[in-house]
Amino acid sequence: MLRTSLAVCAWLGVLGVLTVFTLGELGERDWRLELLSHLRLPITFALGVCLVMFVIARARIGSVVGAVLLLLGVASIARWYLPASGVPGEGDRVRIAVANVLASNADYVRTLDALAALEPDFAVLIEVTAAWLEAVRADPRWRIEFEEVRRFSGWIIVIAPVDSPVRLDIARSVVLTPGTSNIPAIDMRLSLDGRALRVLGVHARSPVSLGNAWDRNAQLRAVADWTDAQHEPCVVIGDLNTTVWSPYYRTLIDDTGLRNSMQGHGAGGTWPGLLPQPFRIGIDHALHSDELVTVTRTIGDPGGSDHAPVLVEFAWNAEATEASDPP
């Protein structure tokens, strides 16, 4: 009787997982369905539980089905641990961090400590309120490279350790989607080993409603337009409020050819920060053009925020440099 009950529960679990996966793949048809696409890690874990239940129940067919589905789920996650293409050059490197500090988070010291532990050359901070800005100014470890005053959801600013050798040549506010959300991004330019590098710091809307989802998607399209307009190597870093499993994320990558710094380092999650990392989803990203390669990618402690910070160390891609050199 117990085995039968376990088998029935396992089959119901498998049916639920397949339903969530299928509906998530239809995410472009409805914003609520797209939310389901982000659950790849949890549903893969659920498949593992179902397989254990099938094995205990000695359900052979269920065990085979569960094993096959689990392998497919694991494979879709494991691909992010495969080495990325490209070879780091021997020149200078730059360490860029992004941290959504959470507007309501008043644990300034612990959150800034967690960011400092990552040792970035500079960092994009998102959802910075007036109180947060004062806390950063009061912390002798940091200097403010650029701040953008926003009328909602806090500021987006760029900070750097006081001893950081990296200086921004250009930093300006740009509205990627004028007339819609009017949410600004920060367009930056710096020099890395004598070559220009463009960096776009972005905070996309959280797609928790039809209107917000529409705005988020418009921002992602605008990011693609910004990337296509660049004549220099570029990085897009920020809270994109989407995961690599979303059809809208896939469209962004297809349209731009950008690479995700996750490749070779795993699909580590950043939100919600209260959960252990395997149960988080990765919505904070660092994307880059072919001329760069990710040397290291580290997810830090969230401190008092609901997001964990991400630190990515970039180097020039020696293979891309050689390919672009004249014969």
Protein backbone atom coordinates (compact mmCIF):
# COMPACT_ATOMS: atom_id res chain seq x y z
CA MET A 1 0.00 0.00 0.00
CA LEU A 2 2.84 2.37 0.90
CA ARG A 3 4.65 1.59 -2.34
CA THR A 4 1.52 2.26 -4.37
CA SER A 5 1.01 5.59 -2.62
CA LEU A 6 4.63 6.56 -3.25
CA ALA A 7 4.36 5.65 -6.93
CA VAL A 8 1.15 7.66 -7.34
CA CYS A 9 2.70 10.68 -5.62
CA ALA A 10 5.79 10.38 -7.81
CA TRP A 11 3.70 10.24 -11.01
CA LEU A 12 1.77 13.30 -9.87
CA GLY A 13 5.08 15.03 -9.20
CA VAL A 14 6.38 14.17 -12.67
CA LEU A 15 3.15 15.40 -14.22
CA GLY A 16 3.46 18.65 -12.27
CA VAL A 17 7.07 19.14 -13.39
CA LEU A 18 6.20 18.52 -17.05
CA THR A 19 3.31 20.96 -16.77
CA VAL A 20 5.51 23.69 -15.27
CA PHE A 21 8.21 23.11 -17.89
CA THR A 22 5.77 23.17 -20.82
CA LEU A 23 3.95 26.27 -19.63
CA GLY A 24 7.27 28.03 -19.02
CA GLU A 25 8.32 27.39 -22.62
CA LEU A 26 5.15 29.21 -23.67
CA GLY A 27 6.22 32.26 -21.67
CA GLU A 28 6.11 34.63 -24.64
CA ARG A 29 2.34 34.15 -24.77
CA ASP A 30 1.63 35.31 -21.22
CA TRP A 31 3.79 37.02 -18.59
CA ARG A 32 2.56 34.63 -15.89
CA LEU A 33 3.73 31.61 -17.88
CA GLU A 34 7.15 33.18 -18.32
CA LEU A 35 7.58 33.25 -14.55
CA LEU A 36 7.46 29.45 -14.58
CA SER A 37 10.43 29.27 -16.95
CA HIS A 38 12.72 30.46 -14.14
CA LEU A 39 12.10 27.35 -12.04
CA ARG A 40 14.51 25.02 -13.85
CA LEU A 41 16.64 24.33 -10.77
CA PRO A 42 13.71 23.65 -8.40
CA ILE A 43 11.90 21.39 -10.85
CA THR A 44 15.09 19.43 -11.53
CA PHE A 45 15.45 18.92 -7.79
CA ALA A 46 11.79 17.83 -7.71
CA LEU A 47 12.53 15.24 -10.41
CA GLY A 48 15.29 13.83 -8.21
CA VAL A 49 12.80 13.45 -5.36
CA CYS A 50 10.33 11.73 -7.69
CA LEU A 51 13.01 9.31 -8.87
CA VAL A 52 13.85 8.36 -5.28
CA MET A 53 10.16 7.73 -4.63
CA PHE A 54 9.88 5.53 -7.73
CA VAL A 55 12.92 3.52 -6.66
CA ILE A 56 11.57 3.01 -3.14
CA ALA A 57 8.20 1.98 -4.62
CA ARG A 58 10.02 -0.42 -7.00
CA ALA A 59 8.13 1.12 -9.92
CA ARG A 60 10.31 0.13 -12.87
CA ILE A 61 8.60 2.19 -15.57
CA GLY A 62 8.42 5.20 -13.27
CA SER A 63 12.08 4.80 -12.36
CA VAL A 64 13.08 4.78 -16.03
CA VAL A 65 10.91 7.79 -16.86
CA GLY A 66 12.14 9.65 -13.78
CA ALA A 67 15.78 8.87 -14.55
CA VAL A 68 15.50 10.06 -18.17
CA LEU A 69 13.75 13.30 -17.20
CA LEU A 70 16.24 13.90 -14.39
CA LEU A 71 19.16 13.41 -16.78
CA LEU A 72 17.65 15.91 -19.21
CA GLY A 73 17.16 18.43 -16.43
CA VAL A 74 20.65 17.95 -15.06
CA ALA A 75 22.13 18.23 -18.57
CA SER A 76 20.43 21.60 -19.12
CA ILE A 77 22.06 22.87 -15.92
CA ALA A 78 25.41 21.09 -16.32
CA ARG A 79 26.03 22.76 -19.69
CA TRP A 80 26.81 25.97 -17.80
CA TYR A 81 29.75 24.21 -16.17
CA LEU A 82 31.33 23.35 -19.52
CA PRO A 83 34.38 25.50 -20.32
CA ALA A 84 33.69 28.70 -22.22
CA SER A 85 35.51 29.38 -25.47
CA GLY A 86 38.34 31.88 -25.47
CA VAL A 87 41.72 32.20 -23.79
CA PRO A 88 42.54 34.98 -21.32
CA GLY A 89 45.27 37.29 -22.59
CA GLU A 90 48.31 38.23 -20.54
CA GLY A 91 47.40 41.89 -20.17
CA ASP A 92 45.49 43.76 -17.50
CA ARG A 93 42.23 42.48 -16.10
CA VAL A 94 39.23 44.25 -14.63
CA ARG A 95 36.96 43.06 -11.81
CA ILE A 96 33.40 44.37 -12.08
CA ALA A 97 30.69 43.70 -9.51
CA VAL A 98 26.94 44.25 -9.48
CA ALA A 99 24.88 44.39 -6.31
CA ASN A 100 21.20 45.07 -5.89
CA VAL A 101 21.39 46.31 -2.32
CA LEU A 102 17.57 46.42 -1.82
CA ALA A 103 16.03 49.81 -1.13
CA SER A 104 14.54 48.72 2.21
CA ASN A 105 17.81 47.19 3.44
CA ALA A 106 19.24 49.22 6.32
CA ASP A 107 22.12 46.84 7.07
CA TYR A 108 24.58 49.05 5.21
CA VAL A 109 27.79 47.91 6.90
CA ARG A 110 27.22 44.17 6.45
CA THR A 111 26.17 44.59 2.83
CA LEU A 112 29.17 46.78 1.99
CA ASP A 113 31.44 44.35 3.85
CA ALA A 114 30.16 41.53 1.64
CA LEU A 115 30.82 43.63 -1.46
CA ALA A 116 34.31 44.62 -0.29
CA ALA A 117 35.15 40.94 0.28
CA LEU A 118 34.81 40.40 -3.47
CA GLU A 119 37.58 42.99 -4.11
CA PRO A 120 36.07 44.64 -7.20
CA ASP A 121 37.79 47.37 -9.21
CA PHE A 122 34.39 49.03 -9.38
CA ALA A 123 30.79 48.05 -8.71
CA VAL A 124 27.33 48.94 -9.98
CA LEU A 125 24.92 49.39 -7.07
CA ILE A 126 21.19 49.18 -7.67
CA GLU A 127 18.21 50.34 -5.57
CA VAL A 128 20.32 52.82 -3.64
CA THR A 129 18.21 55.19 -1.55
CA ALA A 130 19.24 58.55 -0.09
CA ALA A 131 20.14 56.80 3.15
CA TRP A 132 22.19 54.24 1.24
CA LEU A 133 24.01 56.99 -0.60
CA GLU A 134 24.96 58.63 2.69
CA ALA A 135 26.16 55.29 4.05
CA VAL A 136 28.43 54.80 1.04
CA ARG A 137 29.78 58.33 1.38
CA ALA A 138 30.48 57.71 5.05
CA ASP A 139 32.41 54.49 4.36
CA PRO A 140 36.10 55.40 3.88
CA ARG A 141 36.72 52.31 1.76
CA TRP A 142 34.72 53.60 -1.21
CA ARG A 143 34.61 56.47 -3.65
CA ILE A 144 31.58 57.28 -5.78
CA GLU A 145 32.36 57.24 -9.49
CA PHE A 146 28.88 58.13 -10.69
CA GLU A 147 25.41 58.56 -9.22
CA GLU A 148 22.06 58.79 -10.98
CA VAL A 149 19.17 60.28 -9.05
CA ARG A 150 15.95 58.41 -9.65
CA ARG A 151 12.47 59.29 -8.60
CA PHE A 152 11.51 55.72 -7.85
CA SER A 153 13.16 52.49 -6.65
CA GLY A 154 16.27 54.30 -5.47
CA TRP A 155 19.43 55.37 -7.25
CA ILE A 156 21.76 53.43 -9.49
CA ILE A 157 25.34 54.37 -8.74
CA VAL A 158 28.88 53.26 -9.53
CA ILE A 159 31.41 53.00 -6.71
CA ALA A 160 35.01 51.86 -6.48
CA PRO A 161 37.49 51.14 -3.71
CA VAL A 162 39.49 54.27 -2.93
CA ASP A 163 42.69 52.52 -4.03
CA SER A 164 41.23 51.08 -7.25
CA PRO A 165 43.42 51.83 -10.29
CA VAL A 166 40.38 51.80 -12.56
CA ARG A 167 38.90 55.15 -13.54
CA LEU A 168 35.89 55.68 -15.77
CA ASP A 169 36.65 57.80 -18.84
CA ILE A 170 32.94 58.37 -19.43
CA ALA A 171 29.89 57.77 -17.25
CA ARG A 172 26.49 59.08 -18.25
CA SER A 173 22.86 58.33 -17.65
CA VAL A 174 20.88 56.95 -20.58
CA VAL A 175 17.17 56.21 -20.79
CA LEU A 176 16.93 53.01 -22.80
CA THR A 177 13.15 53.05 -23.13
CA PRO A 178 11.99 56.70 -23.35
CA GLY A 179 8.26 57.14 -23.16
CA THR A 180 7.67 53.83 -21.37
CA SER A 181 9.38 53.06 -18.07
CA ASN A 182 11.93 55.91 -18.37
CA ILE A 183 14.26 53.88 -16.16
CA PRO A 184 17.83 55.11 -16.66
CA ALA A 185 20.89 52.95 -17.13
CA ILE A 186 24.55 53.95 -16.79
CA ASP A 187 26.67 53.95 -19.93
CA MET A 188 30.36 53.79 -19.03
CA ARG A 189 33.64 53.73 -20.88
CA LEU A 190 37.02 52.75 -19.46
CA SER A 191 40.44 51.77 -20.66
CA LEU A 192 41.66 48.21 -20.15
CA ASP A 193 45.25 47.51 -21.13
CA GLY A 194 45.16 50.46 -23.51
CA ARG A 195 41.92 49.45 -25.23
CA ALA A 196 38.47 50.97 -24.82
CA LEU A 197 35.75 48.96 -23.09
CA ARG A 198 32.09 49.99 -22.83
CA VAL A 199 29.99 48.91 -19.85
CA LEU A 200 26.24 49.27 -19.44
CA GLY A 201 24.80 49.08 -15.93
CA VAL A 202 21.13 48.08 -16.02
CA HIS A 203 18.23 47.54 -13.65
CA ALA A 204 15.29 45.94 -15.44
CA ARG A 205 11.76 45.97 -14.10
CA SER A 206 10.60 43.02 -12.01
CA PRO A 207 7.98 41.23 -14.18
CA VAL A 208 5.38 40.81 -11.46
CA SER A 209 2.56 42.30 -13.51
CA LEU A 210 1.61 42.67 -17.16
CA GLY A 211 2.80 46.28 -17.24
CA ASN A 212 6.09 45.52 -15.51
CA ALA A 213 6.71 42.52 -17.75
CA TRP A 214 6.12 44.67 -20.82
CA ASP A 215 8.56 47.28 -19.50
CA ARG A 216 11.18 44.63 -18.68
CA ASN A 217 10.92 43.16 -22.17
CA ALA A 218 11.21 46.64 -23.71
CA GLN A 219 14.36 47.22 -21.65
CA LEU A 220 15.87 43.95 -22.86
CA ARG A 221 15.16 44.95 -26.46
CA ALA A 222 16.79 48.31 -25.78
CA VAL A 223 19.84 46.57 -24.33
CA ALA A 224 20.10 44.65 -27.59
CA ASP A 225 19.88 47.91 -29.54
CA TRP A 226 22.59 49.49 -27.36
CA THR A 227 24.84 46.47 -27.87
CA ASP A 228 24.38 46.50 -31.64
CA ALA A 229 25.27 50.21 -31.73
CA GLN A 230 28.64 49.69 -30.04
CA HIS A 231 31.85 49.81 -32.06
CA GLU A 232 33.91 48.73 -29.07
CA PRO A 233 33.92 45.58 -26.91
CA CYS A 234 31.21 45.77 -24.30
CA VAL A 235 29.80 44.39 -21.06
CA VAL A 236 26.17 44.47 -19.93
CA ILE A 237 25.91 44.03 -16.18
CA GLY A 238 22.99 44.37 -13.82
CA ASP A 239 19.78 42.99 -12.40
CA LEU A 240 18.00 41.92 -15.59
CA ASN A 241 15.14 40.27 -13.69
CA THR A 242 15.23 37.25 -15.96
CA THR A 243 17.03 33.91 -15.99
CA VAL A 244 18.85 32.03 -18.71
CA TRP A 245 15.80 29.77 -19.05
CA SER A 246 13.47 32.59 -20.15
CA PRO A 247 12.48 32.88 -23.82
CA TYR A 248 13.10 36.64 -23.55
CA TYR A 249 16.64 36.05 -22.33
CA ARG A 250 17.25 33.68 -25.23
CA THR A 251 15.98 36.35 -27.64
CA LEU A 252 18.41 38.87 -26.14
CA ILE A 253 21.34 36.50 -26.63
CA ASP A 254 20.24 35.55 -30.14
CA ASP A 255 19.93 39.22 -31.13
CA THR A 256 23.26 40.35 -29.67
CA GLY A 257 25.57 37.34 -29.62
CA LEU A 258 26.62 38.29 -26.08
CA ARG A 259 28.10 35.61 -23.86
CA ASN A 260 27.06 34.99 -20.29
CA SER A 261 29.81 34.99 -17.67
CA MET A 262 28.04 31.97 -16.14
CA GLN A 263 29.48 29.76 -18.87
CA GLY A 264 32.17 27.61 -17.32
CA HIS A 265 31.30 28.81 -13.82
CA GLY A 266 27.82 27.39 -13.30
CA ALA A 267 24.29 28.72 -13.21
CA GLY A 268 24.57 30.00 -9.65
CA GLY A 269 21.53 31.79 -8.31
CA THR A 270 21.47 35.28 -6.80
CA TRP A 271 17.85 35.71 -5.63
CA PRO A 272 16.30 35.38 -3.11
CA GLY A 273 19.38 35.78 -0.98
CA LEU A 274 17.83 34.17 2.10
CA LEU A 275 17.75 30.77 0.38
CA PRO A 276 20.78 28.51 -0.07
CA GLN A 277 22.37 29.13 -3.46
CA PRO A 278 21.10 25.91 -5.13
CA PHE A 279 17.54 27.08 -4.52
CA ARG A 280 18.00 30.62 -5.83
CA ILE A 281 17.44 31.79 -9.38
CA GLY A 282 20.05 33.73 -11.34
CA ILE A 283 18.63 37.12 -12.33
CA ASP A 284 21.79 39.23 -11.87
CA HIS A 285 23.98 38.91 -14.94
CA ALA A 286 27.23 39.97 -16.55
CA LEU A 287 27.11 39.54 -20.33
CA HIS A 288 30.03 40.32 -22.60
CA SER A 289 31.10 40.46 -26.24
CA ASP A 290 33.45 37.97 -27.90
CA GLU A 291 36.52 40.15 -27.37
CA LEU A 292 36.41 39.38 -23.65
CA VAL A 293 36.67 36.23 -21.60
CA THR A 294 35.49 35.55 -18.07
CA VAL A 295 38.44 34.61 -15.86
CA THR A 296 36.51 34.20 -12.61
CA ARG A 297 32.91 34.63 -11.53
CA THR A 298 32.04 34.78 -7.85
CA ILE A 299 28.71 35.06 -6.05
CA GLY A 300 29.13 36.85 -2.76
CA ASP A 301 27.20 36.95 0.48
CA PRO A 302 23.97 38.96 0.20
CA GLY A 303 24.57 40.81 3.47
CA GLY A 304 21.23 42.40 4.29
CA SER A 305 19.93 42.39 0.72
CA ASP A 306 17.63 39.94 -1.02
CA HIS A 307 20.17 39.70 -3.86
CA ALA A 308 23.65 38.22 -3.70
CA PRO A 309 26.32 40.35 -5.39
CA VAL A 310 28.15 39.02 -8.44
CA LEU A 311 31.82 39.68 -9.20
CA VAL A 312 33.23 38.95 -12.65
CA GLU A 313 36.87 39.27 -13.62
CA PHE A 314 37.35 39.99 -17.31
CA ALA A 315 40.40 39.75 -19.57
CA TRP A 316 40.85 40.31 -23.25
CA ASN A 317 40.24 37.17 -25.28
CA ALA A 318 43.59 36.24 -26.80
CA GLU A 319 41.90 34.19 -29.52
CA ALA A 320 39.69 37.10 -30.59
CA THR A 321 42.67 39.47 -30.55
CA GLU A 322 44.70 37.16 -32.77
CA ALA A 323 41.77 36.73 -35.15
CA SER A 324 41.38 40.51 -35.50
CA ASP A 325 45.10 41.17 -36.09
CA PRO A 326 46.05 41.81 -39.73
CA PRO A 327 48.03 39.03 -41.42
